Amino acid sequence: MNFDAGIRFIFFLVIFGFTNYLIMLRRYEKDIKKKKFLQHQKISRLYPKGAFIF
């Protein structure tokens, strides 16, 4: 394996890893938003409408 091929391979690994990181980060943020929304729904079911909690 020559030097040029090694550099291309390392560049490919960096690009692939960066895109994978961005995809996983977007999925993680979406999951956090979903969990937060479900938590608010569960909490809102505990209290009647119009109730004000101090």
PDB file of N, CA and C in Angstrom:
ATOM      1  N   MET A   1       0.853  -1.168   0.000  1.00  0.00           N
ATOM      2  CA  MET A   1       0.000   0.000   0.000  1.00  0.00           C
ATOM      3  C   MET A   1       0.905   1.239   0.000  1.00  0.00           C
ATOM      4  N   ASN A   2       0.709   2.082  -0.967  1.00  0.00           N
ATOM      5  CA  ASN A   2       1.562   3.264  -1.046  1.00  0.00           C
ATOM      6  C   ASN A   2       1.037   4.405  -0.175  1.00  0.00           C
ATOM      7  N   PHE A   3       1.801   5.445  -0.097  1.00  0.00           N
ATOM      8  CA  PHE A   3       1.484   6.580   0.776  1.00  0.00           C
ATOM      9  C   PHE A   3       0.185   7.262   0.370  1.00  0.00           C
ATOM     10  N   ASP A   4      -0.036   7.449  -0.915  1.00  0.00           N
ATOM     11  CA  ASP A   4      -1.248   8.123  -1.409  1.00  0.00           C
ATOM     12  C   ASP A   4      -2.505   7.342  -1.037  1.00  0.00           C
ATOM     13  N   ALA A   5      -2.462   6.037  -1.196  1.00  0.00           N
ATOM     14  CA  ALA A   5      -3.609   5.206  -0.845  1.00  0.00           C
ATOM     15  C   ALA A   5      -3.870   5.256   0.665  1.00  0.00           C
ATOM     16  N   GLY A   6      -2.818   5.303   1.458  1.00  0.00           N
ATOM     17  CA  GLY A   6      -2.986   5.400   2.908  1.00  0.00           C
ATOM     18  C   GLY A   6      -3.643   6.700   3.322  1.00  0.00           C
ATOM     19  N   ILE A   7      -3.233   7.794   2.689  1.00  0.00           N
ATOM     20  CA  ILE A   7      -3.837   9.093   3.002  1.00  0.00           C
ATOM     21  C   ILE A   7      -5.309   9.112   2.607  1.00  0.00           C
ATOM     22  N   ARG A   8      -5.625   8.561   1.430  1.00  0.00           N
ATOM     23  CA  ARG A   8      -7.020   8.501   0.988  1.00  0.00           C
ATOM     24  C   ARG A   8      -7.863   7.666   1.944  1.00  0.00           C
ATOM     25  N   PHE A   9      -7.307   6.552   2.425  1.00  0.00           N
ATOM     26  CA  PHE A   9      -8.030   5.685   3.348  1.00  0.00           C
ATOM     27  C   PHE A   9      -8.303   6.403   4.669  1.00  0.00           C
ATOM     28  N   ILE A  10      -7.313   7.091   5.187  1.00  0.00           N
ATOM     29  CA  ILE A  10      -7.501   7.839   6.435  1.00  0.00           C
ATOM     30  C   ILE A  10      -8.529   8.947   6.236  1.00  0.00           C
ATOM     31  N   PHE A  11      -8.463   9.640   5.107  1.00  0.00           N
ATOM     32  CA  PHE A  11      -9.439  10.684   4.803  1.00  0.00           C
ATOM     33  C   PHE A  11     -10.848  10.099   4.730  1.00  0.00           C
ATOM     34  N   PHE A  12     -10.975   8.930   4.080  1.00  0.00           N
ATOM     35  CA  PHE A  12     -12.271   8.259   3.998  1.00  0.00           C
ATOM     36  C   PHE A  12     -12.796   7.908   5.386  1.00  0.00           C
ATOM     37  N   LEU A  13     -11.930   7.387   6.241  1.00  0.00           N
ATOM     38  CA  LEU A  13     -12.359   7.026   7.597  1.00  0.00           C
ATOM     39  C   LEU A  13     -12.814   8.255   8.385  1.00  0.00           C
ATOM     40  N   VAL A  14     -12.121   9.371   8.221  1.00  0.00           N
ATOM     41  CA  VAL A  14     -12.495  10.594   8.935  1.00  0.00           C
ATOM     42  C   VAL A  14     -13.851  11.095   8.448  1.00  0.00           C
ATOM     43  N   ILE A  15     -14.052  11.139   7.141  1.00  0.00           N
ATOM     44  CA  ILE A  15     -15.330  11.595   6.593  1.00  0.00           C
ATOM     45  C   ILE A  15     -16.464  10.663   7.016  1.00  0.00           C
ATOM     46  N   PHE A  16     -16.242   9.363   6.928  1.00  0.00           N
ATOM     47  CA  PHE A  16     -17.258   8.387   7.323  1.00  0.00           C
ATOM     48  C   PHE A  16     -17.598   8.517   8.806  1.00  0.00           C
ATOM     49  N   GLY A  17     -16.591   8.660   9.643  1.00  0.00           N
ATOM     50  CA  GLY A  17     -16.823   8.797  11.080  1.00  0.00           C
ATOM     51  C   GLY A  17     -17.562  10.083  11.420  1.00  0.00           C
ATOM     52  N   PHE A  18     -17.222  11.163  10.738  1.00  0.00           N
ATOM     53  CA  PHE A  18     -17.886  12.440  11.001  1.00  0.00           C
ATOM     54  C   PHE A  18     -19.359  12.399  10.602  1.00  0.00           C
ATOM     55  N   THR A  19     -19.663  11.813   9.444  1.00  0.00           N
ATOM     56  CA  THR A  19     -21.069  11.718   9.029  1.00  0.00           C
ATOM     57  C   THR A  19     -21.841  10.797   9.972  1.00  0.00           C
ATOM     58  N   ASN A  20     -21.227   9.718  10.398  1.00  0.00           N
ATOM     59  CA  ASN A  20     -21.884   8.820  11.348  1.00  0.00           C
ATOM     60  C   ASN A  20     -22.162   9.542  12.662  1.00  0.00           C
ATOM     61  N   TYR A  21     -21.210  10.340  13.127  1.00  0.00           N
ATOM     62  CA  TYR A  21     -21.392  11.112  14.353  1.00  0.00           C
ATOM     63  C   TYR A  21     -22.562  12.084  14.219  1.00  0.00           C
ATOM     64  N   LEU A  22     -22.649  12.781  13.087  1.00  0.00           N
ATOM     65  CA  LEU A  22     -23.740  13.739  12.893  1.00  0.00           C
ATOM     66  C   LEU A  22     -25.094  13.047  12.856  1.00  0.00           C
ATOM     67  N   ILE A  23     -25.165  11.894  12.206  1.00  0.00           N
ATOM     68  CA  ILE A  23     -26.429  11.150  12.151  1.00  0.00           C
ATOM     69  C   ILE A  23     -26.839  10.705  13.544  1.00  0.00           C
ATOM     70  N   MET A  24     -25.901  10.187  14.321  1.00  0.00           N
ATOM     71  CA  MET A  24     -26.224   9.733  15.678  1.00  0.00           C
ATOM     72  C   MET A  24     -26.603  10.903  16.581  1.00  0.00           C
ATOM     73  N   LEU A  25     -25.943  12.054  16.407  1.00  0.00           N
ATOM     74  CA  LEU A  25     -26.273  13.233  17.203  1.00  0.00           C
ATOM     75  C   LEU A  25     -27.687  13.711  16.901  1.00  0.00           C
ATOM     76  N   ARG A  26     -28.053  13.733  15.635  1.00  0.00           N
ATOM     77  CA  ARG A  26     -29.414  14.151  15.257  1.00  0.00           C
ATOM     78  C   ARG A  26     -30.447  13.198  15.843  1.00  0.00           C
ATOM     79  N   ARG A  27     -30.161  11.894  15.791  1.00  0.00           N
ATOM     80  CA  ARG A  27     -31.088  10.907  16.350  1.00  0.00           C
ATOM     81  C   ARG A  27     -31.206  11.072  17.867  1.00  0.00           C
ATOM     82  N   TYR A  28     -30.082  11.316  18.535  1.00  0.00           N
ATOM     83  CA  TYR A  28     -30.093  11.502  19.987  1.00  0.00           C
ATOM     84  C   TYR A  28     -30.928  12.717  20.368  1.00  0.00           C
ATOM     85  N   GLU A  29     -30.765  13.830  19.638  1.00  0.00           N
ATOM     86  CA  GLU A  29     -31.534  15.031  19.943  1.00  0.00           C
ATOM     87  C   GLU A  29     -33.021  14.805  19.714  1.00  0.00           C
ATOM     88  N   LYS A  30     -33.363  14.066  18.678  1.00  0.00           N
ATOM     89  CA  LYS A  30     -34.770  13.772  18.405  1.00  0.00           C
ATOM     90  C   LYS A  30     -35.366  12.907  19.519  1.00  0.00           C
ATOM     91  N   ASP A  31     -34.600  11.920  19.988  1.00  0.00           N
ATOM     92  CA  ASP A  31     -35.057  11.065  21.083  1.00  0.00           C
ATOM     93  C   ASP A  31     -35.251  11.858  22.369  1.00  0.00           C
ATOM     94  N   ILE A  32     -34.357  12.803  22.645  1.00  0.00           N
ATOM     95  CA  ILE A  32     -34.486  13.634  23.842  1.00  0.00           C
ATOM     96  C   ILE A  32     -35.756  14.470  23.769  1.00  0.00           C
ATOM     97  N   LYS A  33     -36.040  15.060  22.606  1.00  0.00           N
ATOM     98  CA  LYS A  33     -37.261  15.852  22.451  1.00  0.00           C
ATOM     99  C   LYS A  33     -38.502  14.987  22.643  1.00  0.00           C
ATOM    100  N   LYS A  34     -38.469  13.766  22.105  1.00  0.00           N
ATOM    101  CA  LYS A  34     -39.610  12.864  22.232  1.00  0.00           C
ATOM    102  C   LYS A  34     -39.839  12.486  23.694  1.00  0.00           C
ATOM    103  N   LYS A  35     -38.753  12.173  24.419  1.00  0.00           N
ATOM    104  CA  LYS A  35     -38.878  11.812  25.828  1.00  0.00           C
ATOM    105  C   LYS A  35     -39.416  12.975  26.653  1.00  0.00           C
ATOM    106  N   LYS A  36     -38.960  14.187  26.349  1.00  0.00           N
ATOM    107  CA  LYS A  36     -39.415  15.357  27.070  1.00  0.00           C
ATOM    108  C   LYS A  36     -40.907  15.595  26.831  1.00  0.00           C
ATOM    109  N   PHE A  37     -41.334  15.443  25.574  1.00  0.00           N
ATOM    110  CA  PHE A  37     -42.744  15.627  25.232  1.00  0.00           C
ATOM    111  C   PHE A  37     -43.608  14.597  25.944  1.00  0.00           C
ATOM    112  N   LEU A  38     -43.168  13.310  25.948  1.00  0.00           N
ATOM    113  CA  LEU A  38     -43.936  12.269  26.628  1.00  0.00           C
ATOM    114  C   LEU A  38     -43.984  12.503  28.134  1.00  0.00           C
ATOM    115  N   GLN A  39     -42.899  13.026  28.695  1.00  0.00           N
ATOM    116  CA  GLN A  39     -42.879  13.311  30.125  1.00  0.00           C
ATOM    117  C   GLN A  39     -43.887  14.413  30.464  1.00  0.00           C
ATOM    118  N   HIS A  40     -43.956  15.449  29.623  1.00  0.00           N
ATOM    119  CA  HIS A  40     -44.939  16.512  29.857  1.00  0.00           C
ATOM    120  C   HIS A  40     -46.362  15.981  29.732  1.00  0.00           C
ATOM    121  N   GLN A  41     -46.599  15.079  28.799  1.00  0.00           N
ATOM    122  CA  GLN A  41     -47.935  14.504  28.651  1.00  0.00           C
ATOM    123  C   GLN A  41     -48.313  13.694  29.890  1.00  0.00           C
ATOM    124  N   LYS A  42     -47.390  12.881  30.386  1.00  0.00           N
ATOM    125  CA  LYS A  42     -47.670  12.070  31.566  1.00  0.00           C
ATOM    126  C   LYS A  42     -47.941  12.943  32.786  1.00  0.00           C
ATOM    127  N   ILE A  43     -47.174  14.007  32.948  1.00  0.00           N
ATOM    128  CA  ILE A  43     -47.374  14.907  34.082  1.00  0.00           C
ATOM    129  C   ILE A  43     -48.702  15.633  33.955  1.00  0.00           C
ATOM    130  N   SER A  44     -49.072  16.043  32.748  1.00  0.00           N
ATOM    131  CA  SER A  44     -50.315  16.788  32.558  1.00  0.00           C
ATOM    132  C   SER A  44     -51.535  15.928  32.845  1.00  0.00           C
ATOM    133  N   ARG A  45     -51.413  14.593  32.691  1.00  0.00           N
ATOM    134  CA  ARG A  45     -52.540  13.719  33.007  1.00  0.00           C
ATOM    135  C   ARG A  45     -52.792  13.618  34.507  1.00  0.00           C
ATOM    136  N   LEU A  46     -51.796  13.941  35.316  1.00  0.00           N
ATOM    137  CA  LEU A  46     -51.943  13.810  36.769  1.00  0.00           C
ATOM    138  C   LEU A  46     -52.803  14.917  37.366  1.00  0.00           C
ATOM    139  N   TYR A  47     -52.832  16.075  36.709  1.00  0.00           N
ATOM    140  CA  TYR A  47     -53.537  17.218  37.263  1.00  0.00           C
ATOM    141  C   TYR A  47     -54.745  17.556  36.397  1.00  0.00           C
ATOM    142  N   PRO A  48     -55.860  17.953  37.022  1.00  0.00           N
ATOM    143  CA  PRO A  48     -57.039  18.343  36.232  1.00  0.00           C
ATOM    144  C   PRO A  48     -56.792  19.634  35.467  1.00  0.00           C
ATOM    145  N   LYS A  49     -57.603  19.844  34.430  1.00  0.00           N
ATOM    146  CA  LYS A  49     -57.441  21.062  33.637  1.00  0.00           C
ATOM    147  C   LYS A  49     -57.819  22.273  34.473  1.00  0.00           C
ATOM    148  N   GLY A  50     -57.081  23.345  34.305  1.00  0.00           N
ATOM    149  CA  GLY A  50     -57.359  24.585  35.018  1.00  0.00           C
ATOM    150  C   GLY A  50     -56.739  24.634  36.406  1.00  0.00           C
ATOM    151  N   ALA A  51     -56.105  23.567  36.846  1.00  0.00           N
ATOM    152  CA  ALA A  51     -55.490  23.569  38.167  1.00  0.00           C
ATOM    153  C   ALA A  51     -54.158  24.324  38.093  1.00  0.00           C
ATOM    154  N   PHE A  52     -53.889  25.092  39.122  1.00  0.00           N
ATOM    155  CA  PHE A  52     -52.634  25.843  39.167  1.00  0.00           C
ATOM    156  C   PHE A  52     -51.811  25.313  40.314  1.00  0.00           C
ATOM    157  N   ILE A  53     -50.618  24.887  40.047  1.00  0.00           N
ATOM    158  CA  ILE A  53     -49.745  24.313  41.062  1.00  0.00           C
ATOM    159  C   ILE A  53     -48.687  25.352  41.426  1.00  0.00           C
ATOM    160  N   PHE A  54     -48.518  25.606  42.715  1.00  0.00           N
ATOM    161  CA  PHE A  54     -47.545  26.584  43.179  1.00  0.00           C
ATOM    162  C   PHE A  54     -46.166  26.044  43.094  1.00  0.00           C
TER     163      PHE A  54
END
